[in-house]
Amino acid sequence: MTSAHNSNGLNDLSAIDQQILDFEARAPKTIALKEKAIRAELDISPVRYHQRLNVIVELPAALAYNPVLVKRLLRKRGEREDIRRAAHGNPQPEH
């Protein structure tokens, strides 16, 4: 696997990581269509896709590569965590 070089030199993204971010930026909004497209375009399972995406968004290189997308994904993940915490009666941490 080759890695792409970015100007800040932080943890370069692999080609598949870039493909996943590019796909996520333009992915179909419905779950069924998105899962079908993941299999067709990336040749991986939707579960593997989401596992990898969750790792990628933590990389400084991902933020450098597509800051708007990565910030949106991190914000959405935080919102989901807040909902789960509230559903289980756990207090929300200070932001």
PDB file of N, CA and C in Angstrom:
ATOM      1  N   MET A   1       0.845  -1.172   0.000  1.00  0.00           N
ATOM      2  CA  MET A   1       0.000   0.000   0.000  1.00  0.00           C
ATOM      3  C   MET A   1       0.895   1.242   0.000  1.00  0.00           C
ATOM      4  N   THR A   2       0.574   2.178  -0.839  1.00  0.00           N
ATOM      5  CA  THR A   2       1.355   3.403  -0.895  1.00  0.00           C
ATOM      6  C   THR A   2       0.706   4.441  -0.002  1.00  0.00           C
ATOM      7  N   SER A   3       1.509   5.387   0.429  1.00  0.00           N
ATOM      8  CA  SER A   3       0.932   6.461   1.236  1.00  0.00           C
ATOM      9  C   SER A   3       1.115   7.773   0.498  1.00  0.00           C
ATOM     10  N   ALA A   4       0.159   8.627   0.658  1.00  0.00           N
ATOM     11  CA  ALA A   4       0.211   9.937   0.011  1.00  0.00           C
ATOM     12  C   ALA A   4       0.934  10.896   0.941  1.00  0.00           C
ATOM     13  N   HIS A   5       1.719  11.773   0.366  1.00  0.00           N
ATOM     14  CA  HIS A   5       2.437  12.744   1.180  1.00  0.00           C
ATOM     15  C   HIS A   5       1.603  14.014   1.277  1.00  0.00           C
ATOM     16  N   ASN A   6       1.524  14.553   2.474  1.00  0.00           N
ATOM     17  CA  ASN A   6       0.849  15.839   2.624  1.00  0.00           C
ATOM     18  C   ASN A   6       1.853  16.858   3.127  1.00  0.00           C
ATOM     19  N   SER A   7       1.542  18.110   2.973  1.00  0.00           N
ATOM     20  CA  SER A   7       2.504  19.174   3.232  1.00  0.00           C
ATOM     21  C   SER A   7       2.866  19.329   4.703  1.00  0.00           C
ATOM     22  N   ASN A   8       2.023  18.875   5.620  1.00  0.00           N
ATOM     23  CA  ASN A   8       2.359  19.055   7.033  1.00  0.00           C
ATOM     24  C   ASN A   8       3.176  17.903   7.590  1.00  0.00           C
ATOM     25  N   GLY A   9       3.332  16.809   6.830  1.00  0.00           N
ATOM     26  CA  GLY A   9       4.179  15.698   7.239  1.00  0.00           C
ATOM     27  C   GLY A   9       3.615  14.855   8.371  1.00  0.00           C
ATOM     28  N   LEU A  10       2.376  15.040   8.764  1.00  0.00           N
ATOM     29  CA  LEU A  10       1.785  14.277   9.856  1.00  0.00           C
ATOM     30  C   LEU A  10       1.149  12.996   9.341  1.00  0.00           C
ATOM     31  N   ASN A  11       1.484  11.885   9.962  1.00  0.00           N
ATOM     32  CA  ASN A  11       0.844  10.585   9.684  1.00  0.00           C
ATOM     33  C   ASN A  11       0.150  10.524   8.325  1.00  0.00           C
ATOM     34  N   ASP A  12       0.905  10.321   7.291  1.00  0.00           N
ATOM     35  CA  ASP A  12       0.350  10.290   5.942  1.00  0.00           C
ATOM     36  C   ASP A  12      -0.804   9.299   5.834  1.00  0.00           C
ATOM     37  N   LEU A  13      -1.762   9.625   5.008  1.00  0.00           N
ATOM     38  CA  LEU A  13      -2.895   8.746   4.756  1.00  0.00           C
ATOM     39  C   LEU A  13      -2.529   7.757   3.665  1.00  0.00           C
ATOM     40  N   SER A  14      -2.985   6.531   3.811  1.00  0.00           N
ATOM     41  CA  SER A  14      -2.804   5.545   2.751  1.00  0.00           C
ATOM     42  C   SER A  14      -3.781   5.862   1.622  1.00  0.00           C
ATOM     43  N   ALA A  15      -3.562   5.232   0.494  1.00  0.00           N
ATOM     44  CA  ALA A  15      -4.460   5.432  -0.646  1.00  0.00           C
ATOM     45  C   ALA A  15      -5.888   5.018  -0.299  1.00  0.00           C
ATOM     46  N   ILE A  16      -6.052   3.902   0.422  1.00  0.00           N
ATOM     47  CA  ILE A  16      -7.407   3.459   0.782  1.00  0.00           C
ATOM     48  C   ILE A  16      -8.044   4.428   1.775  1.00  0.00           C
ATOM     49  N   ASP A  17      -7.242   4.991   2.678  1.00  0.00           N
ATOM     50  CA  ASP A  17      -7.790   5.977   3.613  1.00  0.00           C
ATOM     51  C   ASP A  17      -8.315   7.193   2.852  1.00  0.00           C
ATOM     52  N   GLN A  18      -7.573   7.640   1.866  1.00  0.00           N
ATOM     53  CA  GLN A  18      -8.037   8.763   1.039  1.00  0.00           C
ATOM     54  C   GLN A  18      -9.293   8.377   0.269  1.00  0.00           C
ATOM     55  N   GLN A  19      -9.340   7.163  -0.247  1.00  0.00           N
ATOM     56  CA  GLN A  19     -10.534   6.715  -0.983  1.00  0.00           C
ATOM     57  C   GLN A  19     -11.748   6.700  -0.062  1.00  0.00           C
ATOM     58  N   ILE A  20     -11.552   6.250   1.170  1.00  0.00           N
ATOM     59  CA  ILE A  20     -12.661   6.198   2.123  1.00  0.00           C
ATOM     60  C   ILE A  20     -13.158   7.613   2.439  1.00  0.00           C
ATOM     61  N   LEU A  21     -12.250   8.545   2.665  1.00  0.00           N
ATOM     62  CA  LEU A  21     -12.672   9.926   2.926  1.00  0.00           C
ATOM     63  C   LEU A  21     -13.365  10.534   1.714  1.00  0.00           C
ATOM     64  N   ASP A  22     -12.822  10.295   0.525  1.00  0.00           N
ATOM     65  CA  ASP A  22     -13.447  10.815  -0.692  1.00  0.00           C
ATOM     66  C   ASP A  22     -14.845  10.216  -0.885  1.00  0.00           C
ATOM     67  N   PHE A  23     -14.960   8.922  -0.627  1.00  0.00           N
ATOM     68  CA  PHE A  23     -16.259   8.260  -0.743  1.00  0.00           C
ATOM     69  C   PHE A  23     -17.242   8.848   0.258  1.00  0.00           C
ATOM     70  N   GLU A  24     -16.819   8.998   1.506  1.00  0.00           N
ATOM     71  CA  GLU A  24     -17.709   9.516   2.555  1.00  0.00           C
ATOM     72  C   GLU A  24     -18.208  10.916   2.210  1.00  0.00           C
ATOM     73  N   ALA A  25     -17.376  11.698   1.563  1.00  0.00           N
ATOM     74  CA  ALA A  25     -17.751  13.065   1.199  1.00  0.00           C
ATOM     75  C   ALA A  25     -18.885  13.097   0.178  1.00  0.00           C
ATOM     76  N   ARG A  26     -19.014  12.043  -0.624  1.00  0.00           N
ATOM     77  CA  ARG A  26     -20.034  12.029  -1.681  1.00  0.00           C
ATOM     78  C   ARG A  26     -20.975  10.819  -1.584  1.00  0.00           C
ATOM     79  N   ALA A  27     -20.940  10.121  -0.483  1.00  0.00           N
ATOM     80  CA  ALA A  27     -21.705   8.882  -0.325  1.00  0.00           C
ATOM     81  C   ALA A  27     -23.206   9.116  -0.374  1.00  0.00           C
ATOM     82  N   PRO A  28     -23.943   8.115  -0.878  1.00  0.00           N
ATOM     83  CA  PRO A  28     -25.406   8.198  -0.832  1.00  0.00           C
ATOM     84  C   PRO A  28     -25.879   8.356   0.614  1.00  0.00           C
ATOM     85  N   LYS A  29     -26.982   9.027   0.799  1.00  0.00           N
ATOM     86  CA  LYS A  29     -27.478   9.302   2.148  1.00  0.00           C
ATOM     87  C   LYS A  29     -28.266   8.134   2.748  1.00  0.00           C
ATOM     88  N   THR A  30     -28.887   7.325   1.909  1.00  0.00           N
ATOM     89  CA  THR A  30     -29.654   6.210   2.449  1.00  0.00           C
ATOM     90  C   THR A  30     -28.724   5.044   2.777  1.00  0.00           C
ATOM     91  N   ILE A  31     -29.030   4.349   3.851  1.00  0.00           N
ATOM     92  CA  ILE A  31     -28.169   3.275   4.332  1.00  0.00           C
ATOM     93  C   ILE A  31     -28.007   2.176   3.283  1.00  0.00           C
ATOM     94  N   ALA A  32     -29.101   1.735   2.696  1.00  0.00           N
ATOM     95  CA  ALA A  32     -29.028   0.635   1.730  1.00  0.00           C
ATOM     96  C   ALA A  32     -28.165   0.992   0.520  1.00  0.00           C
ATOM     97  N   LEU A  33     -28.375   2.192  -0.014  1.00  0.00           N
ATOM     98  CA  LEU A  33     -27.573   2.610  -1.168  1.00  0.00           C
ATOM     99  C   LEU A  33     -26.107   2.786  -0.795  1.00  0.00           C
ATOM    100  N   LYS A  34     -25.865   3.318   0.390  1.00  0.00           N
ATOM    101  CA  LYS A  34     -24.483   3.527   0.825  1.00  0.00           C
ATOM    102  C   LYS A  34     -23.773   2.188   0.995  1.00  0.00           C
ATOM    103  N   GLU A  35     -24.423   1.224   1.629  1.00  0.00           N
ATOM    104  CA  GLU A  35     -23.805  -0.086   1.826  1.00  0.00           C
ATOM    105  C   GLU A  35     -23.498  -0.765   0.494  1.00  0.00           C
ATOM    106  N   LYS A  36     -24.401  -0.646  -0.435  1.00  0.00           N
ATOM    107  CA  LYS A  36     -24.196  -1.228  -1.766  1.00  0.00           C
ATOM    108  C   LYS A  36     -23.008  -0.548  -2.463  1.00  0.00           C
ATOM    109  N   ALA A  37     -22.935   0.766  -2.358  1.00  0.00           N
ATOM    110  CA  ALA A  37     -21.840   1.520  -2.983  1.00  0.00           C
ATOM    111  C   ALA A  37     -20.498   1.208  -2.320  1.00  0.00           C
ATOM    112  N   ILE A  38     -20.483   1.015  -1.010  1.00  0.00           N
ATOM    113  CA  ILE A  38     -19.243   0.662  -0.304  1.00  0.00           C
ATOM    114  C   ILE A  38     -18.691  -0.639  -0.882  1.00  0.00           C
ATOM    115  N   ARG A  39     -19.573  -1.622  -1.006  1.00  0.00           N
ATOM    116  CA  ARG A  39     -19.131  -2.918  -1.546  1.00  0.00           C
ATOM    117  C   ARG A  39     -18.665  -2.786  -2.996  1.00  0.00           C
ATOM    118  N   ALA A  40     -19.406  -2.041  -3.792  1.00  0.00           N
ATOM    119  CA  ALA A  40     -19.098  -1.926  -5.220  1.00  0.00           C
ATOM    120  C   ALA A  40     -17.842  -1.095  -5.481  1.00  0.00           C
ATOM    121  N   GLU A  41     -17.710   0.029  -4.800  1.00  0.00           N
ATOM    122  CA  GLU A  41     -16.612   0.953  -5.089  1.00  0.00           C
ATOM    123  C   GLU A  41     -15.337   0.665  -4.319  1.00  0.00           C
ATOM    124  N   LEU A  42     -15.469   0.209  -3.079  1.00  0.00           N
ATOM    125  CA  LEU A  42     -14.291   0.017  -2.235  1.00  0.00           C
ATOM    126  C   LEU A  42     -13.938  -1.456  -2.023  1.00  0.00           C
ATOM    127  N   ASP A  43     -14.860  -2.346  -2.364  1.00  0.00           N
ATOM    128  CA  ASP A  43     -14.659  -3.787  -2.234  1.00  0.00           C
ATOM    129  C   ASP A  43     -14.337  -4.200  -0.790  1.00  0.00           C
ATOM    130  N   ILE A  44     -15.031  -3.563   0.166  1.00  0.00           N
ATOM    131  CA  ILE A  44     -14.937  -3.950   1.567  1.00  0.00           C
ATOM    132  C   ILE A  44     -16.341  -3.987   2.146  1.00  0.00           C
ATOM    133  N   SER A  45     -16.486  -4.624   3.297  1.00  0.00           N
ATOM    134  CA  SER A  45     -17.805  -4.683   3.925  1.00  0.00           C
ATOM    135  C   SER A  45     -18.137  -3.334   4.567  1.00  0.00           C
ATOM    136  N   PRO A  46     -19.416  -3.026   4.695  1.00  0.00           N
ATOM    137  CA  PRO A  46     -19.798  -1.788   5.382  1.00  0.00           C
ATOM    138  C   PRO A  46     -19.269  -1.721   6.815  1.00  0.00           C
ATOM    139  N   VAL A  47     -19.224  -2.849   7.510  1.00  0.00           N
ATOM    140  CA  VAL A  47     -18.699  -2.861   8.879  1.00  0.00           C
ATOM    141  C   VAL A  47     -17.233  -2.451   8.868  1.00  0.00           C
ATOM    142  N   ARG A  48     -16.445  -3.049   7.986  1.00  0.00           N
ATOM    143  CA  ARG A  48     -15.022  -2.715   7.891  1.00  0.00           C
ATOM    144  C   ARG A  48     -14.835  -1.245   7.502  1.00  0.00           C
ATOM    145  N   TYR A  49     -15.676  -0.759   6.601  1.00  0.00           N
ATOM    146  CA  TYR A  49     -15.627   0.637   6.171  1.00  0.00           C
ATOM    147  C   TYR A  49     -15.790   1.572   7.367  1.00  0.00           C
ATOM    148  N   HIS A  50     -16.827   1.332   8.165  1.00  0.00           N
ATOM    149  CA  HIS A  50     -17.098   2.211   9.302  1.00  0.00           C
ATOM    150  C   HIS A  50     -16.029   2.080  10.384  1.00  0.00           C
ATOM    151  N   GLN A  51     -15.500   0.875  10.581  1.00  0.00           N
ATOM    152  CA  GLN A  51     -14.406   0.705  11.533  1.00  0.00           C
ATOM    153  C   GLN A  51     -13.203   1.539  11.103  1.00  0.00           C
ATOM    154  N   ARG A  52     -12.860   1.453   9.820  1.00  0.00           N
ATOM    155  CA  ARG A  52     -11.694   2.184   9.317  1.00  0.00           C
ATOM    156  C   ARG A  52     -11.943   3.688   9.345  1.00  0.00           C
ATOM    157  N   LEU A  53     -13.153   4.111   8.967  1.00  0.00           N
ATOM    158  CA  LEU A  53     -13.483   5.533   8.979  1.00  0.00           C
ATOM    159  C   LEU A  53     -13.329   6.112  10.386  1.00  0.00           C
ATOM    160  N   ASN A  54     -13.740   5.362  11.405  1.00  0.00           N
ATOM    161  CA  ASN A  54     -13.609   5.832  12.787  1.00  0.00           C
ATOM    162  C   ASN A  54     -12.151   6.010  13.194  1.00  0.00           C
ATOM    163  N   VAL A  55     -11.262   5.210  12.640  1.00  0.00           N
ATOM    164  CA  VAL A  55      -9.829   5.363  12.913  1.00  0.00           C
ATOM    165  C   VAL A  55      -9.279   6.556  12.131  1.00  0.00           C
ATOM    166  N   ILE A  56      -9.658   6.648  10.874  1.00  0.00           N
ATOM    167  CA  ILE A  56      -9.128   7.701   9.995  1.00  0.00           C
ATOM    168  C   ILE A  56      -9.419   9.091  10.538  1.00  0.00           C
ATOM    169  N   VAL A  57     -10.639   9.327  11.025  1.00  0.00           N
ATOM    170  CA  VAL A  57     -10.999  10.685  11.466  1.00  0.00           C
ATOM    171  C   VAL A  57     -10.177  11.159  12.654  1.00  0.00           C
ATOM    172  N   GLU A  58      -9.492  10.251  13.328  1.00  0.00           N
ATOM    173  CA  GLU A  58      -8.626  10.622  14.446  1.00  0.00           C
ATOM    174  C   GLU A  58      -7.237  11.054  13.986  1.00  0.00           C
ATOM    175  N   LEU A  59      -6.898  10.825  12.725  1.00  0.00           N
ATOM    176  CA  LEU A  59      -5.558  11.127  12.221  1.00  0.00           C
ATOM    177  C   LEU A  59      -5.422  12.600  11.851  1.00  0.00           C
ATOM    178  N   PRO A  60      -4.351  13.245  12.299  1.00  0.00           N
ATOM    179  CA  PRO A  60      -4.115  14.633  11.895  1.00  0.00           C
ATOM    180  C   PRO A  60      -4.074  14.789  10.370  1.00  0.00           C
ATOM    181  N   ALA A  61      -3.568  13.790   9.674  1.00  0.00           N
ATOM    182  CA  ALA A  61      -3.495  13.866   8.207  1.00  0.00           C
ATOM    183  C   ALA A  61      -4.888  13.897   7.587  1.00  0.00           C
ATOM    184  N   ALA A  62      -5.857  13.235   8.202  1.00  0.00           N
ATOM    185  CA  ALA A  62      -7.227  13.264   7.687  1.00  0.00           C
ATOM    186  C   ALA A  62      -7.809  14.665   7.831  1.00  0.00           C
ATOM    187  N   LEU A  63      -7.540  15.298   8.952  1.00  0.00           N
ATOM    188  CA  LEU A  63      -8.012  16.665   9.167  1.00  0.00           C
ATOM    189  C   LEU A  63      -7.377  17.608   8.153  1.00  0.00           C
ATOM    190  N   ALA A  64      -6.112  17.397   7.849  1.00  0.00           N
ATOM    191  CA  ALA A  64      -5.432  18.220   6.845  1.00  0.00           C
ATOM    192  C   ALA A  64      -5.983  17.942   5.447  1.00  0.00           C
ATOM    193  N   TYR A  65      -6.333  16.691   5.176  1.00  0.00           N
ATOM    194  CA  TYR A  65      -6.805  16.270   3.856  1.00  0.00           C
ATOM    195  C   TYR A  65      -8.194  16.821   3.542  1.00  0.00           C
ATOM    196  N   ASN A  66      -9.115  16.746   4.515  1.00  0.00           N
ATOM    197  CA  ASN A  66     -10.482  17.230   4.305  1.00  0.00           C
ATOM    198  C   ASN A  66     -11.043  17.723   5.635  1.00  0.00           C
ATOM    199  N   PRO A  67     -10.642  18.926   6.059  1.00  0.00           N
ATOM    200  CA  PRO A  67     -11.036  19.407   7.392  1.00  0.00           C
ATOM    201  C   PRO A  67     -12.540  19.542   7.597  1.00  0.00           C
ATOM    202  N   VAL A  68     -13.266  19.970   6.603  1.00  0.00           N
ATOM    203  CA  VAL A  68     -14.718  20.149   6.754  1.00  0.00           C
ATOM    204  C   VAL A  68     -15.392  18.800   7.010  1.00  0.00           C
ATOM    205  N   LEU A  69     -15.055  17.797   6.228  1.00  0.00           N
ATOM    206  CA  LEU A  69     -15.642  16.471   6.394  1.00  0.00           C
ATOM    207  C   LEU A  69     -15.272  15.874   7.741  1.00  0.00           C
ATOM    208  N   VAL A  70     -13.999  15.906   8.088  1.00  0.00           N
ATOM    209  CA  VAL A  70     -13.542  15.282   9.335  1.00  0.00           C
ATOM    210  C   VAL A  70     -14.185  15.968  10.545  1.00  0.00           C
ATOM    211  N   LYS A  71     -14.264  17.274  10.553  1.00  0.00           N
ATOM    212  CA  LYS A  71     -14.915  17.980  11.667  1.00  0.00           C
ATOM    213  C   LYS A  71     -16.393  17.616  11.766  1.00  0.00           C
ATOM    214  N   ARG A  72     -17.061  17.488  10.614  1.00  0.00           N
ATOM    215  CA  ARG A  72     -18.476  17.094  10.619  1.00  0.00           C
ATOM    216  C   ARG A  72     -18.644  15.688  11.179  1.00  0.00           C
ATOM    217  N   LEU A  73     -17.787  14.756  10.752  1.00  0.00           N
ATOM    218  CA  LEU A  73     -17.882  13.378  11.228  1.00  0.00           C
ATOM    219  C   LEU A  73     -17.607  13.288  12.727  1.00  0.00           C
ATOM    220  N   LEU A  74     -16.628  14.022  13.204  1.00  0.00           N
ATOM    221  CA  LEU A  74     -16.333  14.016  14.640  1.00  0.00           C
ATOM    222  C   LEU A  74     -17.478  14.629  15.445  1.00  0.00           C
ATOM    223  N   ARG A  75     -18.075  15.691  14.923  1.00  0.00           N
ATOM    224  CA  ARG A  75     -19.213  16.318  15.601  1.00  0.00           C
ATOM    225  C   ARG A  75     -20.399  15.339  15.669  1.00  0.00           C
ATOM    226  N   LYS A  76     -20.688  14.667  14.557  1.00  0.00           N
ATOM    227  CA  LYS A  76     -21.790  13.698  14.532  1.00  0.00           C
ATOM    228  C   LYS A  76     -21.529  12.546  15.496  1.00  0.00           C
ATOM    229  N   ARG A  77     -20.285  12.080  15.551  1.00  0.00           N
ATOM    230  CA  ARG A  77     -19.944  10.992  16.463  1.00  0.00           C
ATOM    231  C   ARG A  77     -20.151  11.447  17.904  1.00  0.00           C
ATOM    232  N   GLY A  78     -19.742  12.650  18.227  1.00  0.00           N
ATOM    233  CA  GLY A  78     -19.948  13.180  19.569  1.00  0.00           C
ATOM    234  C   GLY A  78     -21.420  13.292  19.930  1.00  0.00           C
ATOM    235  N   GLU A  79     -22.233  13.711  18.965  1.00  0.00           N
ATOM    236  CA  GLU A  79     -23.677  13.807  19.195  1.00  0.00           C
ATOM    237  C   GLU A  79     -24.276  12.433  19.476  1.00  0.00           C
ATOM    238  N   ARG A  80     -23.849  11.425  18.722  1.00  0.00           N
ATOM    239  CA  ARG A  80     -24.348  10.055  18.949  1.00  0.00           C
ATOM    240  C   ARG A  80     -23.936   9.550  20.329  1.00  0.00           C
ATOM    241  N   GLU A  81     -22.695   9.862  20.732  1.00  0.00           N
ATOM    242  CA  GLU A  81     -22.233   9.455  22.059  1.00  0.00           C
ATOM    243  C   GLU A  81     -23.050  10.127  23.153  1.00  0.00           C
ATOM    244  N   ASP A  82     -23.378  11.394  22.972  1.00  0.00           N
ATOM    245  CA  ASP A  82     -24.204  12.114  23.947  1.00  0.00           C
ATOM    246  C   ASP A  82     -25.584  11.481  24.065  1.00  0.00           C
ATOM    247  N   ILE A  83     -26.163  11.091  22.933  1.00  0.00           N
ATOM    248  CA  ILE A  83     -27.485  10.454  22.935  1.00  0.00           C
ATOM    249  C   ILE A  83     -27.432   9.118  23.664  1.00  0.00           C
ATOM    250  N   ARG A  84     -26.399   8.319  23.380  1.00  0.00           N
ATOM    251  CA  ARG A  84     -26.263   7.021  24.061  1.00  0.00           C
ATOM    252  C   ARG A  84     -26.074   7.203  25.560  1.00  0.00           C
ATOM    253  N   ARG A  85     -25.268   8.174  25.938  1.00  0.00           N
ATOM    254  CA  ARG A  85     -25.009   8.433  27.353  1.00  0.00           C
ATOM    255  C   ARG A  85     -26.313   8.838  28.052  1.00  0.00           C
ATOM    256  N   ALA A  86     -27.081   9.711  27.427  1.00  0.00           N
ATOM    257  CA  ALA A  86     -28.348  10.164  28.014  1.00  0.00           C
ATOM    258  C   ALA A  86     -29.340   9.012  28.122  1.00  0.00           C
ATOM    259  N   ALA A  87     -29.346   8.124  27.131  1.00  0.00           N
ATOM    260  CA  ALA A  87     -30.264   6.987  27.148  1.00  0.00           C
ATOM    261  C   ALA A  87     -29.945   6.021  28.292  1.00  0.00           C
ATOM    262  N   HIS A  88     -28.700   6.004  28.703  1.00  0.00           N
ATOM    263  CA  HIS A  88     -28.288   5.116  29.790  1.00  0.00           C
ATOM    264  C   HIS A  88     -28.238   5.835  31.134  1.00  0.00           C
ATOM    265  N   GLY A  89     -28.700   7.083  31.166  1.00  0.00           N
ATOM    266  CA  GLY A  89     -28.754   7.835  32.409  1.00  0.00           C
ATOM    267  C   GLY A  89     -27.410   8.351  32.891  1.00  0.00           C
ATOM    268  N   ASN A  90     -26.410   8.358  32.003  1.00  0.00           N
ATOM    269  CA  ASN A  90     -25.092   8.874  32.368  1.00  0.00           C
ATOM    270  C   ASN A  90     -25.018  10.339  32.022  1.00  0.00           C
ATOM    271  N   PRO A  91     -24.402  11.136  32.892  1.00  0.00           N
ATOM    272  CA  PRO A  91     -24.289  12.574  32.599  1.00  0.00           C
ATOM    273  C   PRO A  91     -23.356  12.827  31.420  1.00  0.00           C
ATOM    274  N   GLN A  92     -23.619  13.931  30.737  1.00  0.00           N
ATOM    275  CA  GLN A  92     -22.768  14.316  29.627  1.00  0.00           C
ATOM    276  C   GLN A  92     -21.520  15.016  30.146  1.00  0.00           C
ATOM    277  N   PRO A  93     -20.350  14.725  29.542  1.00  0.00           N
ATOM    278  CA  PRO A  93     -19.143  15.417  29.966  1.00  0.00           C
ATOM    279  C   PRO A  93     -19.176  16.871  29.503  1.00  0.00           C
ATOM    280  N   GLU A  94     -18.416  17.705  30.170  1.00  0.00           N
ATOM    281  CA  GLU A  94     -18.303  19.107  29.759  1.00  0.00           C
ATOM    282  C   GLU A  94     -17.576  19.184  28.436  1.00  0.00           C
ATOM    283  N   HIS A  95     -18.075  20.017  27.506  1.00  0.00           N
ATOM    284  CA  HIS A  95     -17.422  20.170  26.195  1.00  0.00           C
ATOM    285  C   HIS A  95     -16.558  21.378  26.193  1.00  0.00           C
TER     286      HIS A  95
END
